Protein backbone atom coordinates (compact mmCIF):
# COMPACT_ATOMS: atom_id res chain seq x y z
CA UNK A 1 -20.20 7.95 4.88
CA UNK A 2 -19.35 10.26 7.55
CA UNK A 3 -16.65 12.77 7.53
CA UNK A 4 -14.15 10.73 9.57
CA UNK A 5 -14.51 8.05 7.07
CA UNK A 6 -14.08 10.32 4.09
CA UNK A 7 -10.93 11.99 5.48
CA UNK A 8 -9.44 8.42 6.20
CA UNK A 9 -10.22 7.53 2.52
CA UNK A 10 -8.33 10.70 1.41
CA UNK A 11 -5.44 9.72 4.00
CA UNK A 12 -5.05 6.27 2.27
CA UNK A 13 -5.42 7.71 -1.16
CA UNK A 14 -2.86 10.51 -0.32
CA UNK A 15 -0.47 7.72 0.96
CA UNK A 16 -0.95 5.77 -2.08
CA UNK A 17 -0.18 8.43 -4.46
CA UNK A 18 2.80 9.48 -2.21
CA UNK A 19 4.22 5.85 -2.35
CA UNK A 20 3.88 5.59 -5.90
CA UNK A 21 5.61 8.73 -6.52
CA UNK A 22 8.58 7.95 -4.01
CA UNK A 23 9.03 4.22 -4.69
CA UNK A 24 12.41 4.78 -6.27
CA UNK A 25 13.70 6.65 -3.19
CA UNK A 26 12.03 4.14 -0.77
CA UNK A 27 13.98 1.22 -2.39
CA UNK A 28 17.18 3.28 -1.91
CA UNK A 29 16.52 3.96 1.54
CA UNK A 30 15.64 0.28 2.20
CA UNK A 31 18.87 -0.90 0.98
CA UNK A 32 20.68 1.38 3.29
CA UNK A 33 18.51 0.51 6.30
CA UNK A 34 18.87 -3.20 5.62
CA UNK A 35 22.56 -2.84 5.40
CA UNK A 36 22.57 -1.02 8.56
CA UNK A 37 20.40 -3.38 10.36
CA UNK A 38 22.21 -6.50 9.28
CA UNK A 39 25.65 -4.97 10.31
CA UNK A 40 24.34 -3.97 13.65
CA UNK A 41 22.02 -6.66 14.87
CA UNK A 42 22.60 -9.77 12.52
CA UNK A 43 26.17 -9.72 11.55
CA UNK A 44 26.50 -13.44 11.85
CA UNK A 45 23.68 -14.17 9.56
CA UNK A 46 24.84 -11.57 6.75
CA UNK A 47 25.75 -12.97 3.34
CA UNK A 48 25.45 -11.20 0.10
CA UNK A 49 22.90 -13.93 -0.83
CA UNK A 50 20.87 -13.37 2.35
CA UNK A 51 21.02 -9.65 1.80
CA UNK A 52 19.75 -9.98 -1.63
CA UNK A 53 16.76 -12.23 -0.59
CA UNK A 54 16.05 -9.90 2.24
CA UNK A 55 16.15 -6.73 -0.16
CA UNK A 56 13.77 -8.60 -2.71
CA UNK A 57 11.34 -9.33 0.26
CA UNK A 58 11.39 -5.67 1.29
CA UNK A 59 10.75 -4.55 -2.23
CA UNK A 60 7.81 -7.01 -2.21
CA UNK A 61 6.61 -5.50 1.04
CA UNK A 62 6.75 -2.07 -0.63
CA UNK A 63 4.59 -3.13 -3.44
CA UNK A 64 2.17 -4.76 -0.93
CA UNK A 65 2.11 -1.49 0.95
CA UNK A 66 1.35 0.46 -2.04
CA UNK A 67 -1.65 -1.82 -2.81
CA UNK A 68 -2.73 -1.68 0.91
CA UNK A 69 -3.26 2.10 0.38
CA UNK A 70 -4.74 1.72 -3.07
CA UNK A 71 -7.97 3.52 -2.96
CA UNK A 72 -9.74 0.84 -4.93
CA UNK A 73 -8.82 -1.90 -2.59
CA UNK A 74 -9.11 0.07 0.60
CA UNK A 75 -12.86 0.30 0.37
CA UNK A 76 -13.15 -2.90 2.15
CA UNK A 77 -12.24 -1.26 5.26
CA UNK A 78 -14.95 1.41 4.91
CA UNK A 79 -17.70 0.02 2.60
CA UNK A 80 -18.54 -3.63 3.53
CA UNK A 81 -20.63 -4.72 6.30
CA UNK A 82 -17.87 -7.27 7.32
CA UNK A 83 -15.18 -4.70 7.64
CA UNK A 84 -14.61 -5.33 11.19
CA UNK A 85 -14.51 -8.94 10.81
CA UNK A 86 -11.86 -8.53 8.07
CA UNK A 87 -9.79 -6.08 10.46
CA UNK A 88 -9.89 -8.60 13.09
CA UNK A 89 -8.56 -11.30 11.05
CA UNK A 90 -5.90 -9.15 9.88
CA UNK A 91 -4.85 -8.03 13.23
CA UNK A 92 -4.73 -11.99 14.20
CA UNK A 93 -2.49 -12.67 11.15
CA UNK A 94 0.01 -9.84 11.63
CA UNK A 95 2.60 -10.50 14.13
CA UNK A 96 2.47 -6.83 15.56
CA UNK A 97 -0.70 -5.22 17.22
CA UNK A 98 -1.71 -2.23 15.49
CA UNK A 99 -5.10 -1.64 17.25
CA UNK A 100 -3.91 1.18 19.46
CA UNK A 101 -2.30 2.86 16.39
CA UNK A 102 -5.49 2.51 14.47
CA UNK A 103 -7.48 3.96 17.42
CA UNK A 104 -5.09 6.94 17.37
CA UNK A 105 -5.49 7.40 13.54
CA UNK A 106 -9.21 7.29 13.71
CA UNK A 107 -9.26 9.68 16.61
CA UNK A 108 -6.93 12.14 14.95
CA UNK A 109 -9.03 11.85 11.68
CA UNK A 110 -12.12 12.30 13.86
CA UNK A 111 -10.79 15.63 15.21
CA UNK A 112 -9.66 16.99 11.93
CA UNK A 113 -12.85 16.03 10.25
CA UNK A 114 -14.69 18.10 12.75
CA UNK A 115 -13.15 21.15 11.22
CA UNK A 116 -15.48 20.71 8.25
CA UNK A 117 -14.52 19.22 5.05
CA UNK A 118 -14.70 20.68 1.76
CA UNK A 119 -13.42 19.31 -1.60
CA UNK A 120 -10.78 22.22 -1.17
CA UNK A 121 -9.73 21.10 2.56
CA UNK A 122 -9.99 17.34 2.20
CA UNK A 123 -6.55 16.61 0.71
CA UNK A 124 -4.65 19.12 2.83
CA UNK A 125 -6.23 17.78 6.05
CA UNK A 126 -5.23 14.11 4.67
CA UNK A 127 -1.66 15.38 4.33
CA UNK A 128 -1.85 16.88 7.93
CA UNK A 129 -2.96 13.56 9.04
CA UNK A 130 0.09 11.78 7.57
CA UNK A 131 2.41 14.13 8.99
CA UNK A 132 0.85 13.86 12.49
CA UNK A 133 0.31 10.08 12.68
CA UNK A 134 2.59 8.75 9.96
CA UNK A 135 1.56 5.98 7.65
CA UNK A 136 -0.54 3.36 9.40
CA UNK A 137 0.64 0.53 10.28
CA UNK A 138 3.90 2.17 10.98
CA UNK A 139 4.62 2.54 14.65
CA UNK A 140 3.30 -0.72 15.87
CA UNK A 141 5.59 -2.44 13.27
CA UNK A 142 8.68 -0.57 14.34
CA UNK A 143 7.86 -1.08 18.31
CA UNK A 144 7.14 -4.71 17.63
CA UNK A 145 10.42 -5.21 15.84
CA UNK A 146 12.41 -3.36 18.42
CA UNK A 147 11.02 -5.07 21.41
CA UNK A 148 11.48 -8.47 19.97
CA UNK A 149 13.80 -8.19 16.71
CA UNK A 150 13.87 -11.51 14.53
CA UNK A 151 14.67 -12.04 10.85
CA UNK A 152 11.18 -12.88 10.04
CA UNK A 153 10.12 -9.34 11.15
CA UNK A 154 12.97 -7.69 9.20
CA UNK A 155 11.42 -6.87 5.84
CA UNK A 156 8.09 -5.06 7.44
CA UNK A 157 10.47 -3.09 9.89
CA UNK A 158 12.87 -2.09 7.25
CA UNK A 159 9.92 -0.71 5.07
CA UNK A 160 8.12 0.76 8.08
CA UNK A 161 11.36 2.61 8.84
CA UNK A 162 12.02 3.69 5.22
CA UNK A 163 8.45 5.09 4.85
CA UNK A 164 8.52 6.90 8.32
CA UNK A 165 12.06 8.38 7.50
CA UNK A 166 10.92 9.49 4.25
CA UNK A 167 7.62 11.08 5.22
CA UNK A 168 9.36 13.49 7.60
């Protein structure tokens, strides 16, 4: 495995640990952001039952994101020969286009990996990468929703915003 992939694995592992440790604060943030978004953009669709349903969906998306970053599960992205095919399929299934965001993540990881990785520098470099590029896929979800908002996209958007605002 090359140094860029090693740093990317450390990036995902750091995100996984951060998400697990901050799940309660993310849940609180999601509820606030969801309330704000309904009030601002979807007031006609707002009911207590609908809010509760969307809140539950957001909470499920948090759990899904935690598993997305799980170091055991993320290995398919780096270790399997069909990783590119799986990634292309995932891009087709998503309503947002994260290809440029992923390229930026890989490029940033590549530049940081050139610094030289040791056991002592790997985790701090992964944390720098998170601070620099955020939690992939984040910006593509936010941009995709803001350019064409819909209630179908709302849970992904709210979770992406909660993560982005919490990582700062």
